[in-house]
């Protein structure tokens, strides 16, 4: 028999676009027994179909500046606190940034983000990102995004003026768990960057990493925080433990637990783009196509920052085989 709580909440979200599930209701969904996870997935898929139809966002990124990061995020291969064997490099040239964008555009990406390591860029680096963005905007139909660390008000408006449409800045996890992950900056630094980007007229892409050791209640807390901040797109990552980091020994989430996480975020954020990113290959394995059944409407194609992704052609074939259509999101 279909879980009545899931059914009632699904129907409420479908019938009333102003309905929001409460924290208590979200926690009840999070704590459903494993055998009722399929009910949650089916409900999330109904909500996705209502608000996103058959449209899929296909994001792509380039590791524009790698390594040497001053922050001690426990999961991160680019942190200067970890010995992970990655090859660090300074900010890429304008020509390389543009070239990477053109390659991913030809492979089917609808969005492109320039991602840098570190707490904040220098003025010269910000200028280079802005110039590259202008060229990419002229040559492609890509929706342009960047992830450049924390922002000031002036820099947020500078990015908007350069032609960027969106800014990416993950909260990573719930406020109540953040000090277990990072102690070199405050959670409020990240929240304020999200607010500054929105105030500058940029769409905001903000999510986190699941499987860091957080509880189900803390997953709900993160999803609710993102709802309260009214972010436009939510990237969901699953921990891919990197040797040399503090999280190296953490086990992967099971495919079913990862899919349940996606469904939970869809119930809490029914109208937002939910994009599945890093860790999906190792976590979901041959169940990657299930992300859409679980309520996602986007995925990151191509490689990640320090790990390899799946072949772009395989992802585009998966989208087409499911009768879905890649298009621009936020």
C-alpha atoms as a PDB file:
ATOM      1  CA  UNK A   1       0.000   0.000   0.000  1.00  0.00           C
ATOM      2  CA  UNK A   2       1.315   3.459  -0.963  1.00  0.00           C
ATOM      3  CA  UNK A   3       2.486   5.530   2.006  1.00  0.00           C
ATOM      4  CA  UNK A   4      -0.337   7.942   2.863  1.00  0.00           C
ATOM      5  CA  UNK A   5       1.982  10.684   4.130  1.00  0.00           C
ATOM      6  CA  UNK A   6       3.910  10.684   0.834  1.00  0.00           C
ATOM      7  CA  UNK A   7       0.656  10.620  -1.152  1.00  0.00           C
ATOM      8  CA  UNK A   8      -0.921  13.510   0.765  1.00  0.00           C
ATOM      9  CA  UNK A   9       2.172  15.715   0.525  1.00  0.00           C
ATOM     10  CA  UNK A  10       2.592  14.941  -3.160  1.00  0.00           C
ATOM     11  CA  UNK A  11      -1.018  15.879  -3.882  1.00  0.00           C
ATOM     12  CA  UNK A  12      -0.718  19.083  -1.840  1.00  0.00           C
ATOM     13  CA  UNK A  13       2.383  20.160  -3.766  1.00  0.00           C
ATOM     14  CA  UNK A  14       0.757  19.366  -7.119  1.00  0.00           C
ATOM     15  CA  UNK A  15      -2.511  21.156  -6.381  1.00  0.00           C
ATOM     16  CA  UNK A  16      -1.255  24.260  -4.569  1.00  0.00           C
ATOM     17  CA  UNK A  17       1.845  25.991  -5.951  1.00  0.00           C
ATOM     18  CA  UNK A  18       2.173  27.982  -2.734  1.00  0.00           C
ATOM     19  CA  UNK A  19       2.218  24.910  -0.484  1.00  0.00           C
ATOM     20  CA  UNK A  20       5.471  24.267   1.388  1.00  0.00           C
ATOM     21  CA  UNK A  21       6.103  21.200   3.485  1.00  0.00           C
ATOM     22  CA  UNK A  22       7.018  21.891   7.084  1.00  0.00           C
ATOM     23  CA  UNK A  23      10.303  20.885   8.745  1.00  0.00           C
ATOM     24  CA  UNK A  24       8.410  18.210  10.713  1.00  0.00           C
ATOM     25  CA  UNK A  25       6.858  16.807   7.528  1.00  0.00           C
ATOM     26  CA  UNK A  26      10.246  16.815   5.813  1.00  0.00           C
ATOM     27  CA  UNK A  27      11.806  14.900   8.703  1.00  0.00           C
ATOM     28  CA  UNK A  28       9.035  12.324   8.531  1.00  0.00           C
ATOM     29  CA  UNK A  29       9.829  11.759   4.864  1.00  0.00           C
ATOM     30  CA  UNK A  30      13.540  11.534   5.652  1.00  0.00           C
ATOM     31  CA  UNK A  31      12.900   8.857   8.254  1.00  0.00           C
ATOM     32  CA  UNK A  32      10.646   6.644   6.149  1.00  0.00           C
ATOM     33  CA  UNK A  33      11.687   2.985   6.326  1.00  0.00           C
ATOM     34  CA  UNK A  34      13.825   1.768   3.434  1.00  0.00           C
ATOM     35  CA  UNK A  35      11.042  -0.367   1.965  1.00  0.00           C
ATOM     36  CA  UNK A  36       8.981   2.804   1.396  1.00  0.00           C
ATOM     37  CA  UNK A  37      11.713   4.647  -0.523  1.00  0.00           C
ATOM     38  CA  UNK A  38      10.064   3.726  -3.875  1.00  0.00           C
ATOM     39  CA  UNK A  39       6.923   5.595  -2.760  1.00  0.00           C
ATOM     40  CA  UNK A  40       9.016   8.690  -2.100  1.00  0.00           C
ATOM     41  CA  UNK A  41      10.709   8.422  -5.503  1.00  0.00           C
ATOM     42  CA  UNK A  42       7.399   8.121  -7.335  1.00  0.00           C
ATOM     43  CA  UNK A  43       6.045  11.166  -5.515  1.00  0.00           C
ATOM     44  CA  UNK A  44       9.179  13.163  -6.329  1.00  0.00           C
ATOM     45  CA  UNK A  45       8.917  12.171  -9.990  1.00  0.00           C
ATOM     46  CA  UNK A  46       5.333  13.445 -10.120  1.00  0.00           C
ATOM     47  CA  UNK A  47       6.484  16.768  -8.677  1.00  0.00           C
ATOM     48  CA  UNK A  48       9.360  16.984 -11.179  1.00  0.00           C
ATOM     49  CA  UNK A  49       6.979  16.319 -14.062  1.00  0.00           C
ATOM     50  CA  UNK A  50       4.583  18.989 -12.813  1.00  0.00           C
ATOM     51  CA  UNK A  51       7.148  21.772 -12.540  1.00  0.00           C
ATOM     52  CA  UNK A  52       9.899  20.742 -14.989  1.00  0.00           C
ATOM     53  CA  UNK A  53       8.062  18.565 -17.549  1.00  0.00           C
ATOM     54  CA  UNK A  54      10.608  16.730 -19.714  1.00  0.00           C
ATOM     55  CA  UNK A  55      13.308  19.396 -19.553  1.00  0.00           C
ATOM     56  CA  UNK A  56      16.834  18.600 -18.353  1.00  0.00           C
ATOM     57  CA  UNK A  57      19.603  21.067 -17.504  1.00  0.00           C
ATOM     58  CA  UNK A  58      23.077  19.907 -18.612  1.00  0.00           C
ATOM     59  CA  UNK A  59      25.751  21.844 -16.736  1.00  0.00           C
ATOM     60  CA  UNK A  60      29.488  21.713 -17.368  1.00  0.00           C
ATOM     61  CA  UNK A  61      32.522  23.117 -15.591  1.00  0.00           C
ATOM     62  CA  UNK A  62      36.193  23.767 -16.063  1.00  0.00           C
ATOM     63  CA  UNK A  63      38.753  23.657 -13.257  1.00  0.00           C
ATOM     64  CA  UNK A  64      39.932  27.182 -13.936  1.00  0.00           C
ATOM     65  CA  UNK A  65      42.320  27.355 -10.977  1.00  0.00           C
ATOM     66  CA  UNK A  66      43.360  24.264  -9.037  1.00  0.00           C
ATOM     67  CA  UNK A  67      44.859  23.603  -5.632  1.00  0.00           C
ATOM     68  CA  UNK A  68      46.651  25.778  -3.053  1.00  0.00           C
ATOM     69  CA  UNK A  69      43.339  26.434  -1.263  1.00  0.00           C
ATOM     70  CA  UNK A  70      43.682  28.010   2.181  1.00  0.00           C
ATOM     71  CA  UNK A  71      40.499  26.369   3.487  1.00  0.00           C
ATOM     72  CA  UNK A  72      40.501  23.058   5.369  1.00  0.00           C
ATOM     73  CA  UNK A  73      37.304  21.487   3.996  1.00  0.00           C
ATOM     74  CA  UNK A  74      37.581  17.848   5.039  1.00  0.00           C
ATOM     75  CA  UNK A  75      36.429  16.396   1.703  1.00  0.00           C
ATOM     76  CA  UNK A  76      38.459  18.561  -0.678  1.00  0.00           C
ATOM     77  CA  UNK A  77      41.390  17.341  -2.751  1.00  0.00           C
ATOM     78  CA  UNK A  78      42.434  20.959  -3.427  1.00  0.00           C
ATOM     79  CA  UNK A  79      42.906  21.985   0.200  1.00  0.00           C
ATOM     80  CA  UNK A  80      46.478  22.912   1.171  1.00  0.00           C
ATOM     81  CA  UNK A  81      45.837  20.905   4.356  1.00  0.00           C
ATOM     82  CA  UNK A  82      45.759  17.654   2.338  1.00  0.00           C
ATOM     83  CA  UNK A  83      48.319  15.665   0.363  1.00  0.00           C
ATOM     84  CA  UNK A  84      46.293  14.210  -2.496  1.00  0.00           C
ATOM     85  CA  UNK A  85      48.712  14.224  -5.409  1.00  0.00           C
ATOM     86  CA  UNK A  86      46.691  16.561  -7.622  1.00  0.00           C
ATOM     87  CA  UNK A  87      48.524  18.879  -9.992  1.00  0.00           C
ATOM     88  CA  UNK A  88      47.786  22.467  -8.941  1.00  0.00           C
ATOM     89  CA  UNK A  89      47.778  25.219 -11.522  1.00  0.00           C
ATOM     90  CA  UNK A  90      47.174  28.984 -11.541  1.00  0.00           C
ATOM     91  CA  UNK A  91      44.183  30.574 -13.229  1.00  0.00           C
ATOM     92  CA  UNK A  92      43.912  29.443 -16.850  1.00  0.00           C
ATOM     93  CA  UNK A  93      44.434  31.908 -19.682  1.00  0.00           C
ATOM     94  CA  UNK A  94      41.482  33.578 -21.374  1.00  0.00           C
ATOM     95  CA  UNK A  95      42.156  31.473 -24.480  1.00  0.00           C
ATOM     96  CA  UNK A  96      42.037  28.210 -22.513  1.00  0.00           C
ATOM     97  CA  UNK A  97      38.858  29.197 -20.663  1.00  0.00           C
ATOM     98  CA  UNK A  98      37.141  30.048 -23.932  1.00  0.00           C
ATOM     99  CA  UNK A  99      38.414  26.853 -25.567  1.00  0.00           C
ATOM    100  CA  UNK A 100      37.073  24.669 -22.767  1.00  0.00           C
ATOM    101  CA  UNK A 101      33.671  26.347 -23.065  1.00  0.00           C
ATOM    102  CA  UNK A 102      33.533  25.805 -26.832  1.00  0.00           C
ATOM    103  CA  UNK A 103      34.416  22.112 -26.488  1.00  0.00           C
ATOM    104  CA  UNK A 104      31.707  21.456 -23.905  1.00  0.00           C
ATOM    105  CA  UNK A 105      29.160  23.471 -25.899  1.00  0.00           C
ATOM    106  CA  UNK A 106      29.789  21.213 -28.889  1.00  0.00           C
ATOM    107  CA  UNK A 107      29.259  18.140 -26.684  1.00  0.00           C
ATOM    108  CA  UNK A 108      25.787  19.264 -25.615  1.00  0.00           C
ATOM    109  CA  UNK A 109      26.291  21.413 -22.531  1.00  0.00           C
ATOM    110  CA  UNK A 110      23.705  24.157 -22.005  1.00  0.00           C
ATOM    111  CA  UNK A 111      25.503  25.772 -19.057  1.00  0.00           C
ATOM    112  CA  UNK A 112      29.189  26.406 -18.382  1.00  0.00           C
ATOM    113  CA  UNK A 113      30.883  27.383 -15.149  1.00  0.00           C
ATOM    114  CA  UNK A 114      34.431  28.573 -14.480  1.00  0.00           C
ATOM    115  CA  UNK A 115      35.412  27.185 -11.073  1.00  0.00           C
ATOM    116  CA  UNK A 116      38.414  28.277  -9.025  1.00  0.00           C
ATOM    117  CA  UNK A 117      39.925  27.046  -5.791  1.00  0.00           C
ATOM    118  CA  UNK A 118      40.585  29.328  -2.857  1.00  0.00           C
ATOM    119  CA  UNK A 119      38.692  31.645  -0.552  1.00  0.00           C
ATOM    120  CA  UNK A 120      38.688  34.672  -2.908  1.00  0.00           C
ATOM    121  CA  UNK A 121      40.278  35.736  -6.228  1.00  0.00           C
ATOM    122  CA  UNK A 122      42.606  38.685  -6.800  1.00  0.00           C
ATOM    123  CA  UNK A 123      41.468  41.714  -8.808  1.00  0.00           C
ATOM    124  CA  UNK A 124      43.576  40.609 -11.793  1.00  0.00           C
ATOM    125  CA  UNK A 125      42.033  37.134 -11.716  1.00  0.00           C
ATOM    126  CA  UNK A 126      38.536  38.600 -11.546  1.00  0.00           C
ATOM    127  CA  UNK A 127      39.309  40.686 -14.624  1.00  0.00           C
ATOM    128  CA  UNK A 128      40.469  37.644 -16.579  1.00  0.00           C
ATOM    129  CA  UNK A 129      37.286  35.742 -15.717  1.00  0.00           C
ATOM    130  CA  UNK A 130      35.201  38.704 -16.847  1.00  0.00           C
ATOM    131  CA  UNK A 131      37.008  39.012 -20.184  1.00  0.00           C
ATOM    132  CA  UNK A 132      36.681  35.299 -20.883  1.00  0.00           C
ATOM    133  CA  UNK A 133      32.976  35.443 -20.042  1.00  0.00           C
ATOM    134  CA  UNK A 134      32.448  38.216 -22.580  1.00  0.00           C
ATOM    135  CA  UNK A 135      34.091  36.187 -25.372  1.00  0.00           C
ATOM    136  CA  UNK A 136      32.188  32.986 -24.493  1.00  0.00           C
ATOM    137  CA  UNK A 137      28.921  34.897 -24.505  1.00  0.00           C
ATOM    138  CA  UNK A 138      29.663  36.193 -28.016  1.00  0.00           C
ATOM    139  CA  UNK A 139      30.588  32.760 -29.412  1.00  0.00           C
ATOM    140  CA  UNK A 140      28.058  30.384 -27.798  1.00  0.00           C
ATOM    141  CA  UNK A 141      24.550  30.093 -26.491  1.00  0.00           C
ATOM    142  CA  UNK A 142      25.829  28.867 -23.139  1.00  0.00           C
ATOM    143  CA  UNK A 143      24.333  30.131 -19.926  1.00  0.00           C
ATOM    144  CA  UNK A 144      27.422  31.398 -18.099  1.00  0.00           C
ATOM    145  CA  UNK A 145      28.192  30.742 -14.462  1.00  0.00           C
ATOM    146  CA  UNK A 146      31.232  30.995 -12.202  1.00  0.00           C
ATOM    147  CA  UNK A 147      32.312  29.701  -8.814  1.00  0.00           C
ATOM    148  CA  UNK A 148      35.048  31.970  -7.485  1.00  0.00           C
ATOM    149  CA  UNK A 149      34.832  31.752  -3.708  1.00  0.00           C
ATOM    150  CA  UNK A 150      33.300  34.397  -1.481  1.00  0.00           C
ATOM    151  CA  UNK A 151      32.134  37.685  -3.006  1.00  0.00           C
ATOM    152  CA  UNK A 152      31.930  41.322  -2.060  1.00  0.00           C
ATOM    153  CA  UNK A 153      29.028  43.459  -3.240  1.00  0.00           C
ATOM    154  CA  UNK A 154      31.263  45.172  -5.793  1.00  0.00           C
ATOM    155  CA  UNK A 155      32.516  41.891  -7.242  1.00  0.00           C
ATOM    156  CA  UNK A 156      29.009  40.481  -7.528  1.00  0.00           C
ATOM    157  CA  UNK A 157      27.966  43.464  -9.656  1.00  0.00           C
ATOM    158  CA  UNK A 158      31.218  43.208 -11.625  1.00  0.00           C
ATOM    159  CA  UNK A 159      30.391  39.610 -12.579  1.00  0.00           C
ATOM    160  CA  UNK A 160      26.869  40.565 -13.596  1.00  0.00           C
ATOM    161  CA  UNK A 161      28.213  43.341 -15.829  1.00  0.00           C
ATOM    162  CA  UNK A 162      30.679  40.941 -17.520  1.00  0.00           C
ATOM    163  CA  UNK A 163      27.836  38.832 -18.901  1.00  0.00           C
ATOM    164  CA  UNK A 164      27.506  36.110 -16.303  1.00  0.00           C
ATOM    165  CA  UNK A 165      23.973  34.931 -15.633  1.00  0.00           C
ATOM    166  CA  UNK A 166      24.540  32.784 -12.563  1.00  0.00           C
ATOM    167  CA  UNK A 167      26.871  32.327  -9.600  1.00  0.00           C
ATOM    168  CA  UNK A 168      27.643  29.023  -7.950  1.00  0.00           C
ATOM    169  CA  UNK A 169      28.503  28.827  -4.270  1.00  0.00           C
ATOM    170  CA  UNK A 170      27.781  25.690  -2.266  1.00  0.00           C
ATOM    171  CA  UNK A 171      26.916  25.728   1.420  1.00  0.00           C
ATOM    172  CA  UNK A 172      28.260  22.143   1.423  1.00  0.00           C
ATOM    173  CA  UNK A 173      26.259  20.923   4.430  1.00  0.00           C
ATOM    174  CA  UNK A 174      23.917  21.998   7.227  1.00  0.00           C
ATOM    175  CA  UNK A 175      24.945  24.826   9.535  1.00  0.00           C
ATOM    176  CA  UNK A 176      24.758  22.438  12.517  1.00  0.00           C
ATOM    177  CA  UNK A 177      27.332  20.118  10.874  1.00  0.00           C
ATOM    178  CA  UNK A 178      29.589  22.673   9.191  1.00  0.00           C
ATOM    179  CA  UNK A 179      32.207  22.825  11.957  1.00  0.00           C
ATOM    180  CA  UNK A 180      32.808  19.102  11.429  1.00  0.00           C
ATOM    181  CA  UNK A 181      33.746  19.858   7.818  1.00  0.00           C
ATOM    182  CA  UNK A 182      35.465  23.258   7.835  1.00  0.00           C
ATOM    183  CA  UNK A 183      36.870  25.547  10.525  1.00  0.00           C
ATOM    184  CA  UNK A 184      38.793  28.127   8.465  1.00  0.00           C
ATOM    185  CA  UNK A 185      35.771  30.241   7.599  1.00  0.00           C
ATOM    186  CA  UNK A 186      32.265  30.771   8.943  1.00  0.00           C
ATOM    187  CA  UNK A 187      29.056  29.375   7.513  1.00  0.00           C
ATOM    188  CA  UNK A 188      27.752  32.934   7.377  1.00  0.00           C
ATOM    189  CA  UNK A 189      30.495  33.822   4.859  1.00  0.00           C
ATOM    190  CA  UNK A 190      28.903  31.373   2.429  1.00  0.00           C
ATOM    191  CA  UNK A 191      25.344  32.468   3.179  1.00  0.00           C
ATOM    192  CA  UNK A 192      26.302  36.113   2.655  1.00  0.00           C
ATOM    193  CA  UNK A 193      27.887  35.326  -0.717  1.00  0.00           C
ATOM    194  CA  UNK A 194      24.633  33.708  -1.844  1.00  0.00           C
ATOM    195  CA  UNK A 195      22.721  36.806  -0.749  1.00  0.00           C
ATOM    196  CA  UNK A 196      25.150  39.206  -2.446  1.00  0.00           C
ATOM    197  CA  UNK A 197      24.960  37.296  -5.731  1.00  0.00           C
ATOM    198  CA  UNK A 198      21.156  37.434  -5.660  1.00  0.00           C
ATOM    199  CA  UNK A 199      21.197  41.131  -4.806  1.00  0.00           C
ATOM    200  CA  UNK A 200      23.355  41.782  -7.900  1.00  0.00           C
ATOM    201  CA  UNK A 201      20.756  40.142 -10.119  1.00  0.00           C
ATOM    202  CA  UNK A 202      22.625  36.870 -10.615  1.00  0.00           C
ATOM    203  CA  UNK A 203      20.802  33.579 -10.486  1.00  0.00           C
ATOM    204  CA  UNK A 204      22.256  31.463  -7.674  1.00  0.00           C
ATOM    205  CA  UNK A 205      23.300  27.837  -7.818  1.00  0.00           C
ATOM    206  CA  UNK A 206      23.922  26.497  -4.314  1.00  0.00           C
ATOM    207  CA  UNK A 207      23.800  23.031  -2.804  1.00  0.00           C
ATOM    208  CA  UNK A 208      26.130  20.660  -1.061  1.00  0.00           C
ATOM    209  CA  UNK A 209      27.740  17.260  -0.630  1.00  0.00           C
ATOM    210  CA  UNK A 210      25.875  14.368   0.927  1.00  0.00           C
ATOM    211  CA  UNK A 211      27.518  11.441   2.662  1.00  0.00           C
ATOM    212  CA  UNK A 212      29.919  13.465   4.827  1.00  0.00           C
ATOM    213  CA  UNK A 213      28.575  11.898   8.018  1.00  0.00           C
ATOM    214  CA  UNK A 214      25.553  14.161   8.425  1.00  0.00           C
ATOM    215  CA  UNK A 215      22.232  12.875   9.759  1.00  0.00           C
ATOM    216  CA  UNK A 216      18.976  12.767   7.812  1.00  0.00           C
ATOM    217  CA  UNK A 217      17.780  15.674   9.927  1.00  0.00           C
ATOM    218  CA  UNK A 218      20.829  17.686   8.838  1.00  0.00           C
ATOM    219  CA  UNK A 219      20.059  16.876   5.199  1.00  0.00           C
ATOM    220  CA  UNK A 220      16.602  18.321   5.788  1.00  0.00           C
ATOM    221  CA  UNK A 221      18.226  21.341   7.461  1.00  0.00           C
ATOM    222  CA  UNK A 222      20.383  22.011   4.391  1.00  0.00           C
ATOM    223  CA  UNK A 223      17.438  21.651   1.994  1.00  0.00           C
ATOM    224  CA  UNK A 224      15.358  24.036   4.109  1.00  0.00           C
ATOM    225  CA  UNK A 225      18.185  26.586   4.307  1.00  0.00           C
ATOM    226  CA  UNK A 226      18.432  26.573   0.507  1.00  0.00           C
ATOM    227  CA  UNK A 227      14.664  27.037   0.307  1.00  0.00           C
ATOM    228  CA  UNK A 228      14.788  29.970   2.717  1.00  0.00           C
ATOM    229  CA  UNK A 229      17.577  31.588   0.660  1.00  0.00           C
ATOM    230  CA  UNK A 230      15.452  31.082  -2.474  1.00  0.00           C
ATOM    231  CA  UNK A 231      18.339  29.756  -4.541  1.00  0.00           C
ATOM    232  CA  UNK A 232      17.516  29.071  -8.170  1.00  0.00           C
ATOM    233  CA  UNK A 233      19.350  25.797  -8.679  1.00  0.00           C
ATOM    234  CA  UNK A 234      20.509  23.111  -6.262  1.00  0.00           C
ATOM    235  CA  UNK A 235      23.557  21.004  -7.209  1.00  0.00           C
ATOM    236  CA  UNK A 236      23.659  17.756  -5.256  1.00  0.00           C
ATOM    237  CA  UNK A 237      26.990  15.973  -4.894  1.00  0.00           C
ATOM    238  CA  UNK A 238      27.747  12.651  -3.243  1.00  0.00           C
ATOM    239  CA  UNK A 239      31.034  12.151  -1.443  1.00  0.00           C
ATOM    240  CA  UNK A 240      33.656  10.430  -3.547  1.00  0.00           C
ATOM    241  CA  UNK A 241      36.317   9.818  -0.858  1.00  0.00           C
ATOM    242  CA  UNK A 242      39.712  11.051  -2.065  1.00  0.00           C
ATOM    243  CA  UNK A 243      42.882   9.459  -0.609  1.00  0.00           C
ATOM    244  CA  UNK A 244      44.788  12.013   1.414  1.00  0.00           C
ATOM    245  CA  UNK A 245      41.733  13.921   2.624  1.00  0.00           C
ATOM    246  CA  UNK A 246      40.165  13.655   6.066  1.00  0.00           C
ATOM    247  CA  UNK A 247      37.184  11.926   4.433  1.00  0.00           C
ATOM    248  CA  UNK A 248      39.281   9.257   2.712  1.00  0.00           C
ATOM    249  CA  UNK A 249      37.912   6.406   4.821  1.00  0.00           C
ATOM    250  CA  UNK A 250      34.222   7.321   4.646  1.00  0.00           C
ATOM    251  CA  UNK A 251      32.052   4.763   2.852  1.00  0.00           C
ATOM    252  CA  UNK A 252      30.016   5.668  -0.207  1.00  0.00           C
ATOM    253  CA  UNK A 253      26.294   6.180   0.140  1.00  0.00           C
ATOM    254  CA  UNK A 254      24.250   3.305  -1.230  1.00  0.00           C
ATOM    255  CA  UNK A 255      22.408   4.009  -4.505  1.00  0.00           C
ATOM    256  CA  UNK A 256      19.060   3.810  -2.718  1.00  0.00           C
ATOM    257  CA  UNK A 257      20.110   6.285  -0.018  1.00  0.00           C
ATOM    258  CA  UNK A 258      21.419   8.712  -2.647  1.00  0.00           C
ATOM    259  CA  UNK A 259      18.155   8.497  -4.605  1.00  0.00           C
ATOM    260  CA  UNK A 260      16.180   9.074  -1.414  1.00  0.00           C
ATOM    261  CA  UNK A 261      18.240  12.226  -0.798  1.00  0.00           C
ATOM    262  CA  UNK A 262      17.334  13.538  -4.257  1.00  0.00           C
ATOM    263  CA  UNK A 263      13.637  12.846  -3.689  1.00  0.00           C
ATOM    264  CA  UNK A 264      13.712  14.558  -0.304  1.00  0.00           C
ATOM    265  CA  UNK A 265      15.252  17.704  -1.789  1.00  0.00           C
ATOM    266  CA  UNK A 266      12.592  17.708  -4.530  1.00  0.00           C
ATOM    267  CA  UNK A 267       9.768  17.601  -1.965  1.00  0.00           C
ATOM    268  CA  UNK A 268      11.316  20.519  -0.076  1.00  0.00           C
ATOM    269  CA  UNK A 269      12.222  22.533  -3.200  1.00  0.00           C
ATOM    270  CA  UNK A 270       9.564  21.501  -5.748  1.00  0.00           C
ATOM    271  CA  UNK A 271      10.100  24.317  -8.288  1.00  0.00           C
ATOM    272  CA  UNK A 272      13.886  24.557  -8.288  1.00  0.00           C
ATOM    273  CA  UNK A 273      16.374  22.994 -10.675  1.00  0.00           C
ATOM    274  CA  UNK A 274      18.011  20.020  -8.958  1.00  0.00           C
ATOM    275  CA  UNK A 275      21.223  18.969 -10.676  1.00  0.00           C
ATOM    276  CA  UNK A 276      23.170  15.823  -9.842  1.00  0.00           C
ATOM    277  CA  UNK A 277      26.918  16.417  -9.917  1.00  0.00           C
ATOM    278  CA  UNK A 278      30.079  14.957  -8.414  1.00  0.00           C
ATOM    279  CA  UNK A 279      30.138  11.401  -7.141  1.00  0.00           C
ATOM    280  CA  UNK A 280      27.148  10.163  -9.118  1.00  0.00           C
ATOM    281  CA  UNK A 281      29.132   7.624 -11.137  1.00  0.00           C
ATOM    282  CA  UNK A 282      30.721   5.874  -8.133  1.00  0.00           C
ATOM    283  CA  UNK A 283      27.637   6.189  -5.912  1.00  0.00           C
ATOM    284  CA  UNK A 284      24.801   5.343  -8.314  1.00  0.00           C
ATOM    285  CA  UNK A 285      26.753   3.142 -10.720  1.00  0.00           C
ATOM    286  CA  UNK A 286      24.256   1.580 -13.176  1.00  0.00           C
ATOM    287  CA  UNK A 287      21.323   3.372 -11.535  1.00  0.00           C
ATOM    288  CA  UNK A 288      22.275   6.838 -12.802  1.00  0.00           C
ATOM    289  CA  UNK A 289      19.168   7.121 -14.982  1.00  0.00           C
ATOM    290  CA  UNK A 290      17.082   6.821 -11.802  1.00  0.00           C
ATOM    291  CA  UNK A 291      18.006  10.369 -10.778  1.00  0.00           C
ATOM    292  CA  UNK A 292      15.129  11.670 -12.887  1.00  0.00           C
ATOM    293  CA  UNK A 293      12.654   9.237 -11.341  1.00  0.00           C
ATOM    294  CA  UNK A 294      13.893  10.515  -7.965  1.00  0.00           C
ATOM    295  CA  UNK A 295      13.047  14.096  -8.905  1.00  0.00           C
ATOM    296  CA  UNK A 296      16.223  15.582 -10.411  1.00  0.00           C
ATOM    297  CA  UNK A 297      15.983  17.571 -13.624  1.00  0.00           C
ATOM    298  CA  UNK A 298      19.640  18.173 -14.369  1.00  0.00           C
ATOM    299  CA  UNK A 299      23.111  16.706 -14.338  1.00  0.00           C
ATOM    300  CA  UNK A 300      26.686  17.854 -14.639  1.00  0.00           C
ATOM    301  CA  UNK A 301      28.255  16.428 -17.775  1.00  0.00           C
ATOM    302  CA  UNK A 302      31.960  16.051 -18.472  1.00  0.00           C
ATOM    303  CA  UNK A 303      34.704  15.942 -15.864  1.00  0.00           C
ATOM    304  CA  UNK A 304      34.628  17.336 -12.330  1.00  0.00           C
ATOM    305  CA  UNK A 305      37.283  19.411 -10.610  1.00  0.00           C
ATOM    306  CA  UNK A 306      39.748  16.667  -9.686  1.00  0.00           C
ATOM    307  CA  UNK A 307      37.951  13.467 -10.745  1.00  0.00           C
ATOM    308  CA  UNK A 308      36.817  12.050 -14.076  1.00  0.00           C
ATOM    309  CA  UNK A 309      33.176  12.135 -15.116  1.00  0.00           C
ATOM    310  CA  UNK A 310      31.264   9.926 -17.499  1.00  0.00           C
ATOM    311  CA  UNK A 311      31.559  10.308 -21.266  1.00  0.00           C
ATOM    312  CA  UNK A 312      29.312  13.165 -22.411  1.00  0.00           C
ATOM    313  CA  UNK A 313      27.871  11.048 -25.216  1.00  0.00           C
ATOM    314  CA  UNK A 314      26.650   8.437 -22.733  1.00  0.00           C
ATOM    315  CA  UNK A 315      24.863  11.091 -20.693  1.00  0.00           C
ATOM    316  CA  UNK A 316      23.250  12.672 -23.753  1.00  0.00           C
ATOM    317  CA  UNK A 317      22.132   9.230 -24.949  1.00  0.00           C
ATOM    318  CA  UNK A 318      20.628   8.543 -21.523  1.00  0.00           C
ATOM    319  CA  UNK A 319      18.686  11.804 -21.658  1.00  0.00           C
ATOM    320  CA  UNK A 320      17.421  11.077 -25.165  1.00  0.00           C
ATOM    321  CA  UNK A 321      16.529   7.462 -24.361  1.00  0.00           C
ATOM    322  CA  UNK A 322      14.339   8.664 -21.494  1.00  0.00           C
ATOM    323  CA  UNK A 323      12.460  11.056 -23.785  1.00  0.00           C
ATOM    324  CA  UNK A 324      13.908  14.087 -22.024  1.00  0.00           C
ATOM    325  CA  UNK A 325      15.205  17.282 -23.621  1.00  0.00           C
ATOM    326  CA  UNK A 326      18.339  19.211 -22.626  1.00  0.00           C
ATOM    327  CA  UNK A 327      17.817  22.943 -22.348  1.00  0.00           C
ATOM    328  CA  UNK A 328      18.951  25.974 -20.392  1.00  0.00           C
ATOM    329  CA  UNK A 329      18.016  26.164 -16.729  1.00  0.00           C
ATOM    330  CA  UNK A 330      18.503  29.131 -14.407  1.00  0.00           C
END
